[in-house]
Structure formats: structure tokens, C-alpha cells
PDB file of N, CA and C in Angstrom:
ATOM      1  N   MET A   1     -15.787  -1.553   3.337  1.00  0.00           N
ATOM      2  CA  MET A   1     -14.654  -1.935   4.135  1.00  0.00           C
ATOM      3  C   MET A   1     -13.632  -0.794   4.188  1.00  0.00           C
ATOM      4  N   ALA A   2     -13.374  -0.171   3.042  1.00  0.00           N
ATOM      5  CA  ALA A   2     -12.410   0.929   3.004  1.00  0.00           C
ATOM      6  C   ALA A   2     -12.866   2.060   3.909  1.00  0.00           C
ATOM      7  N   GLY A   3     -14.160   2.358   3.895  1.00  0.00           N
ATOM      8  CA  GLY A   3     -14.685   3.431   4.729  1.00  0.00           C
ATOM      9  C   GLY A   3     -14.434   3.187   6.203  1.00  0.00           C
ATOM     10  N   ALA A   4     -14.616   1.959   6.648  1.00  0.00           N
ATOM     11  CA  ALA A   4     -14.383   1.619   8.056  1.00  0.00           C
ATOM     12  C   ALA A   4     -12.908   1.762   8.411  1.00  0.00           C
ATOM     13  N   MET A   5     -12.030   1.351   7.519  1.00  0.00           N
ATOM     14  CA  MET A   5     -10.593   1.473   7.785  1.00  0.00           C
ATOM     15  C   MET A   5     -10.158   2.934   7.799  1.00  0.00           C
ATOM     16  N   ILE A   6     -10.725   3.736   6.934  1.00  0.00           N
ATOM     17  CA  ILE A   6     -10.395   5.163   6.911  1.00  0.00           C
ATOM     18  C   ILE A   6     -10.852   5.829   8.205  1.00  0.00           C
ATOM     19  N   LYS A   7     -12.022   5.463   8.712  1.00  0.00           N
ATOM     20  CA  LYS A   7     -12.496   6.014   9.989  1.00  0.00           C
ATOM     21  C   LYS A   7     -11.566   5.610  11.131  1.00  0.00           C
ATOM     22  N   LEU A   8     -11.129   4.364  11.143  1.00  0.00           N
ATOM     23  CA  LEU A   8     -10.174   3.917  12.164  1.00  0.00           C
ATOM     24  C   LEU A   8      -8.870   4.694  12.068  1.00  0.00           C
ATOM     25  N   LYS A   9      -8.380   4.868  10.858  1.00  0.00           N
ATOM     26  CA  LYS A   9      -7.147   5.620  10.630  1.00  0.00           C
ATOM     27  C   LYS A   9      -7.289   7.051  11.129  1.00  0.00           C
ATOM     28  N   GLU A  10      -8.409   7.686  10.805  1.00  0.00           N
ATOM     29  CA  GLU A  10      -8.656   9.066  11.224  1.00  0.00           C
ATOM     30  C   GLU A  10      -8.774   9.201  12.740  1.00  0.00           C
ATOM     31  N   SER A  11      -9.162   8.118  13.407  1.00  0.00           N
ATOM     32  CA  SER A  11      -9.278   8.144  14.868  1.00  0.00           C
ATOM     33  C   SER A  11      -7.909   8.013  15.542  1.00  0.00           C
ATOM     34  N   GLY A  12      -6.878   7.752  14.749  1.00  0.00           N
ATOM     35  CA  GLY A  12      -5.534   7.619  15.299  1.00  0.00           C
ATOM     36  C   GLY A  12      -5.076   6.183  15.463  1.00  0.00           C
ATOM     37  N   ALA A  13      -5.915   5.236  15.110  1.00  0.00           N
ATOM     38  CA  ALA A  13      -5.550   3.824  15.238  1.00  0.00           C
ATOM     39  C   ALA A  13      -4.517   3.447  14.175  1.00  0.00           C
ATOM     40  N   SER A  14      -3.648   2.535  14.529  1.00  0.00           N
ATOM     41  CA  SER A  14      -2.695   1.978  13.567  1.00  0.00           C
ATOM     42  C   SER A  14      -3.305   0.732  12.961  1.00  0.00           C
ATOM     43  N   ILE A  15      -3.084   0.548  11.672  1.00  0.00           N
ATOM     44  CA  ILE A  15      -3.667  -0.589  10.959  1.00  0.00           C
ATOM     45  C   ILE A  15      -2.561  -1.279  10.174  1.00  0.00           C
ATOM     46  N   LEU A  16      -2.492  -2.585  10.304  1.00  0.00           N
ATOM     47  CA  LEU A  16      -1.616  -3.383   9.452  1.00  0.00           C
ATOM     48  C   LEU A  16      -2.527  -4.063   8.447  1.00  0.00           C
ATOM     49  N   LEU A  17      -2.416  -3.677   7.212  1.00  0.00           N
ATOM     50  CA  LEU A  17      -3.273  -4.195   6.152  1.00  0.00           C
ATOM     51  C   LEU A  17      -2.431  -5.021   5.192  1.00  0.00           C
ATOM     52  N   VAL A  18      -2.782  -6.271   5.035  1.00  0.00           N
ATOM     53  CA  VAL A  18      -2.131  -7.132   4.055  1.00  0.00           C
ATOM     54  C   VAL A  18      -3.151  -7.291   2.936  1.00  0.00           C
ATOM     55  N   GLU A  19      -2.859  -6.686   1.802  1.00  0.00           N
ATOM     56  CA  GLU A  19      -3.890  -6.566   0.777  1.00  0.00           C
ATOM     57  C   GLU A  19      -3.299  -6.665  -0.616  1.00  0.00           C
ATOM     58  N   GLN A  20      -4.017  -7.350  -1.502  1.00  0.00           N
ATOM     59  CA  GLN A  20      -3.625  -7.434  -2.899  1.00  0.00           C
ATOM     60  C   GLN A  20      -4.401  -6.438  -3.755  1.00  0.00           C
ATOM     61  N   ASN A  21      -5.438  -5.843  -3.190  1.00  0.00           N
ATOM     62  CA  ASN A  21      -6.242  -4.863  -3.913  1.00  0.00           C
ATOM     63  C   ASN A  21      -5.502  -3.521  -3.882  1.00  0.00           C
ATOM     64  N   LEU A  22      -4.894  -3.157  -4.989  1.00  0.00           N
ATOM     65  CA  LEU A  22      -4.068  -1.957  -5.069  1.00  0.00           C
ATOM     66  C   LEU A  22      -4.862  -0.699  -4.733  1.00  0.00           C
ATOM     67  N   HIS A  23      -6.097  -0.625  -5.199  1.00  0.00           N
ATOM     68  CA  HIS A  23      -6.903   0.573  -4.963  1.00  0.00           C
ATOM     69  C   HIS A  23      -7.213   0.754  -3.476  1.00  0.00           C
ATOM     70  N   LEU A  24      -7.524  -0.311  -2.788  1.00  0.00           N
ATOM     71  CA  LEU A  24      -7.790  -0.238  -1.351  1.00  0.00           C
ATOM     72  C   LEU A  24      -6.514   0.134  -0.595  1.00  0.00           C
ATOM     73  N   ALA A  25      -5.410  -0.476  -0.947  1.00  0.00           N
ATOM     74  CA  ALA A  25      -4.135  -0.173  -0.285  1.00  0.00           C
ATOM     75  C   ALA A  25      -3.761   1.288  -0.493  1.00  0.00           C
ATOM     76  N   ARG A  26      -3.990   1.789  -1.678  1.00  0.00           N
ATOM     77  CA  ARG A  26      -3.677   3.189  -1.984  1.00  0.00           C
ATOM     78  C   ARG A  26      -4.554   4.134  -1.167  1.00  0.00           C
ATOM     79  N   GLU A  27      -5.803   3.771  -0.997  1.00  0.00           N
ATOM     80  CA  GLU A  27      -6.752   4.612  -0.273  1.00  0.00           C
ATOM     81  C   GLU A  27      -6.468   4.666   1.225  1.00  0.00           C
ATOM     82  N   VAL A  28      -6.016   3.572   1.779  1.00  0.00           N
ATOM     83  CA  VAL A  28      -5.868   3.452   3.231  1.00  0.00           C
ATOM     84  C   VAL A  28      -4.436   3.647   3.710  1.00  0.00           C
ATOM     85  N   GLY A  29      -3.457   3.232   2.915  1.00  0.00           N
ATOM     86  CA  GLY A  29      -2.090   3.147   3.410  1.00  0.00           C
ATOM     87  C   GLY A  29      -1.309   4.447   3.447  1.00  0.00           C
ATOM     88  N   ASP A  30      -0.526   4.602   4.500  1.00  0.00           N
ATOM     89  CA  ASP A  30       0.444   5.690   4.590  1.00  0.00           C
ATOM     90  C   ASP A  30       1.811   5.215   4.117  1.00  0.00           C
ATOM     91  N   ASP A  31       2.124   3.968   4.421  1.00  0.00           N
ATOM     92  CA  ASP A  31       3.390   3.357   4.027  1.00  0.00           C
ATOM     93  C   ASP A  31       3.089   2.038   3.329  1.00  0.00           C
ATOM     94  N   VAL A  32       4.050   1.586   2.533  1.00  0.00           N
ATOM     95  CA  VAL A  32       3.868   0.346   1.791  1.00  0.00           C
ATOM     96  C   VAL A  32       5.116  -0.520   1.937  1.00  0.00           C
ATOM     97  N   ALA A  33       4.893  -1.816   2.034  1.00  0.00           N
ATOM     98  CA  ALA A  33       5.977  -2.795   1.983  1.00  0.00           C
ATOM     99  C   ALA A  33       5.584  -3.809   0.908  1.00  0.00           C
ATOM    100  N   VAL A  34       6.455  -4.013  -0.050  1.00  0.00           N
ATOM    101  CA  VAL A  34       6.193  -4.961  -1.127  1.00  0.00           C
ATOM    102  C   VAL A  34       6.989  -6.221  -0.841  1.00  0.00           C
ATOM    103  N   ILE A  35       6.290  -7.350  -0.875  1.00  0.00           N
ATOM    104  CA  ILE A  35       6.914  -8.644  -0.600  1.00  0.00           C
ATOM    105  C   ILE A  35       6.905  -9.469  -1.881  1.00  0.00           C
ATOM    106  N   ASP A  36       8.046 -10.021  -2.229  1.00  0.00           N
ATOM    107  CA  ASP A  36       8.162 -10.879  -3.402  1.00  0.00           C
ATOM    108  C   ASP A  36       8.885 -12.152  -2.988  1.00  0.00           C
ATOM    109  N   SER A  37       8.266 -13.275  -3.215  1.00  0.00           N
ATOM    110  CA  SER A  37       8.828 -14.586  -2.863  1.00  0.00           C
ATOM    111  C   SER A  37       9.231 -14.652  -1.396  1.00  0.00           C
ATOM    112  N   GLY A  38       8.403 -14.055  -0.529  1.00  0.00           N
ATOM    113  CA  GLY A  38       8.642 -14.113   0.903  1.00  0.00           C
ATOM    114  C   GLY A  38       9.656 -13.120   1.440  1.00  0.00           C
ATOM    115  N   LYS A  39      10.163 -12.249   0.590  1.00  0.00           N
ATOM    116  CA  LYS A  39      11.154 -11.257   1.026  1.00  0.00           C
ATOM    117  C   LYS A  39      10.637  -9.847   0.765  1.00  0.00           C
ATOM    118  N   ILE A  40      10.893  -8.954   1.705  1.00  0.00           N
ATOM    119  CA  ILE A  40      10.514  -7.559   1.531  1.00  0.00           C
ATOM    120  C   ILE A  40      11.487  -6.936   0.537  1.00  0.00           C
ATOM    121  N   VAL A  41      10.940  -6.405  -0.556  1.00  0.00           N
ATOM    122  CA  VAL A  41      11.781  -5.832  -1.605  1.00  0.00           C
ATOM    123  C   VAL A  41      11.678  -4.300  -1.678  1.00  0.00           C
ATOM    124  N   ARG A  42      10.709  -3.726  -0.977  1.00  0.00           N
ATOM    125  CA  ARG A  42      10.547  -2.267  -1.005  1.00  0.00           C
ATOM    126  C   ARG A  42       9.737  -1.831   0.206  1.00  0.00           C
ATOM    127  N   VAL A  43      10.201  -0.790   0.882  1.00  0.00           N
ATOM    128  CA  VAL A  43       9.475  -0.182   1.990  1.00  0.00           C
ATOM    129  C   VAL A  43       9.580   1.325   1.815  1.00  0.00           C
ATOM    130  N   GLY A  44       8.459   2.017   1.989  1.00  0.00           N
ATOM    131  CA  GLY A  44       8.495   3.463   1.884  1.00  0.00           C
ATOM    132  C   GLY A  44       7.112   4.075   1.916  1.00  0.00           C
ATOM    133  N   PRO A  45       7.054   5.389   1.765  1.00  0.00           N
ATOM    134  CA  PRO A  45       5.768   6.083   1.776  1.00  0.00           C
ATOM    135  C   PRO A  45       4.881   5.639   0.613  1.00  0.00           C
ATOM    136  N   ALA A  46       3.622   5.340   0.899  1.00  0.00           N
ATOM    137  CA  ALA A  46       2.688   4.875  -0.129  1.00  0.00           C
ATOM    138  C   ALA A  46       2.521   5.907  -1.237  1.00  0.00           C
ATOM    139  N   LYS A  47       2.405   7.170  -0.869  1.00  0.00           N
ATOM    140  CA  LYS A  47       2.196   8.212  -1.871  1.00  0.00           C
ATOM    141  C   LYS A  47       3.325   8.214  -2.903  1.00  0.00           C
ATOM    142  N   GLU A  48       4.554   8.144  -2.422  1.00  0.00           N
ATOM    143  CA  GLU A  48       5.714   8.122  -3.322  1.00  0.00           C
ATOM    144  C   GLU A  48       5.697   6.875  -4.197  1.00  0.00           C
ATOM    145  N   TYR A  49       5.372   5.747  -3.603  1.00  0.00           N
ATOM    146  CA  TYR A  49       5.369   4.477  -4.329  1.00  0.00           C
ATOM    147  C   TYR A  49       4.337   4.489  -5.452  1.00  0.00           C
ATOM    148  N   PHE A  50       3.111   4.907  -5.125  1.00  0.00           N
ATOM    149  CA  PHE A  50       2.036   4.855  -6.107  1.00  0.00           C
ATOM    150  C   PHE A  50       2.169   5.914  -7.200  1.00  0.00           C
ATOM    151  N   GLU A  51       3.016   6.897  -7.000  1.00  0.00           N
ATOM    152  CA  GLU A  51       3.242   7.920  -8.025  1.00  0.00           C
ATOM    153  C   GLU A  51       4.345   7.520  -9.000  1.00  0.00           C
ATOM    154  N   ARG A  52       5.069   6.462  -8.688  1.00  0.00           N
ATOM    155  CA  ARG A  52       6.193   6.047  -9.538  1.00  0.00           C
ATOM    156  C   ARG A  52       5.798   4.888 -10.444  1.00  0.00           C
ATOM    157  N   GLU A  53       5.570   5.203 -11.707  1.00  0.00           N
ATOM    158  CA  GLU A  53       5.155   4.179 -12.664  1.00  0.00           C
ATOM    159  C   GLU A  53       6.202   3.083 -12.825  1.00  0.00           C
ATOM    160  N   ASP A  54       7.484   3.442 -12.699  1.00  0.00           N
ATOM    161  CA  ASP A  54       8.538   2.426 -12.837  1.00  0.00           C
ATOM    162  C   ASP A  54       8.417   1.358 -11.754  1.00  0.00           C
ATOM    163  N   LEU A  55       8.097   1.764 -10.521  1.00  0.00           N
ATOM    164  CA  LEU A  55       7.947   0.785  -9.437  1.00  0.00           C
ATOM    165  C   LEU A  55       6.680  -0.047  -9.620  1.00  0.00           C
ATOM    166  N   LEU A  56       5.590   0.597 -10.004  1.00  0.00           N
ATOM    167  CA  LEU A  56       4.343  -0.132 -10.215  1.00  0.00           C
ATOM    168  C   LEU A  56       4.514  -1.178 -11.302  1.00  0.00           C
ATOM    169  N   LYS A  57       5.220  -0.825 -12.356  1.00  0.00           N
ATOM    170  CA  LYS A  57       5.426  -1.756 -13.459  1.00  0.00           C
ATOM    171  C   LYS A  57       6.367  -2.894 -13.075  1.00  0.00           C
ATOM    172  N   SER A  58       7.503  -2.542 -12.479  1.00  0.00           N
ATOM    173  CA  SER A  58       8.509  -3.561 -12.180  1.00  0.00           C
ATOM    174  C   SER A  58       8.124  -4.480 -11.024  1.00  0.00           C
ATOM    175  N   GLN A  59       7.440  -3.951 -10.016  1.00  0.00           N
ATOM    176  CA  GLN A  59       7.147  -4.750  -8.833  1.00  0.00           C
ATOM    177  C   GLN A  59       5.721  -5.302  -8.807  1.00  0.00           C
ATOM    178  N   LEU A  60       4.804  -4.644  -9.479  1.00  0.00           N
ATOM    179  CA  LEU A  60       3.414  -5.110  -9.447  1.00  0.00           C
ATOM    180  C   LEU A  60       2.856  -5.470 -10.813  1.00  0.00           C
ATOM    181  N   GLY A  61       3.626  -5.217 -11.867  1.00  0.00           N
ATOM    182  CA  GLY A  61       3.186  -5.561 -13.200  1.00  0.00           C
ATOM    183  C   GLY A  61       2.209  -4.585 -13.818  1.00  0.00           C
ATOM    184  N   PHE A  62       2.066  -3.397 -13.205  1.00  0.00           N
ATOM    185  CA  PHE A  62       1.174  -2.370 -13.752  1.00  0.00           C
ATOM    186  C   PHE A  62       1.969  -1.409 -14.615  1.00  0.00           C
ATOM    187  N   ALA A  63       1.303  -0.856 -15.604  1.00  0.00           N
ATOM    188  CA  ALA A  63       1.943   0.171 -16.450  1.00  0.00           C
ATOM    189  C   ALA A  63       1.448   1.533 -16.077  1.00  0.00           C
TER     190      ALA A  63
END
């Protein structure tokens, strides 16, 4: 599935991915929006988000 989405992305297509699989989101996403209790709590570049351990821990429960 990730391979197909990456090919679509490379072709210039825009993709809205709603995903709980962090690894897939990291592989495919350019930007990230984190939703908690129905409210958007963070929006920004995926690369920046996934490099910040403080955000991963506080918003997703990862260390």
C-alpha cells in the first residue's frame, strides 16, 4: 500500500491520508496534522514533527 501511495505522490498527485500507522504516515506524508479529541492540535511539516521526540512523546505517546 505504501508503495502505491509513494508512486502517486511522485506523479504529483495530492493525497489526504488519515492513518494511525506512524511508519506509513512518516513514509508518505509531507505535512502532518494531529487530532486529539476531535480538535487539531498540531499542523506542520512531517519531517520536523517526526524528528522531535518531545512531540512524539507528548502527542502520540512514543518515546
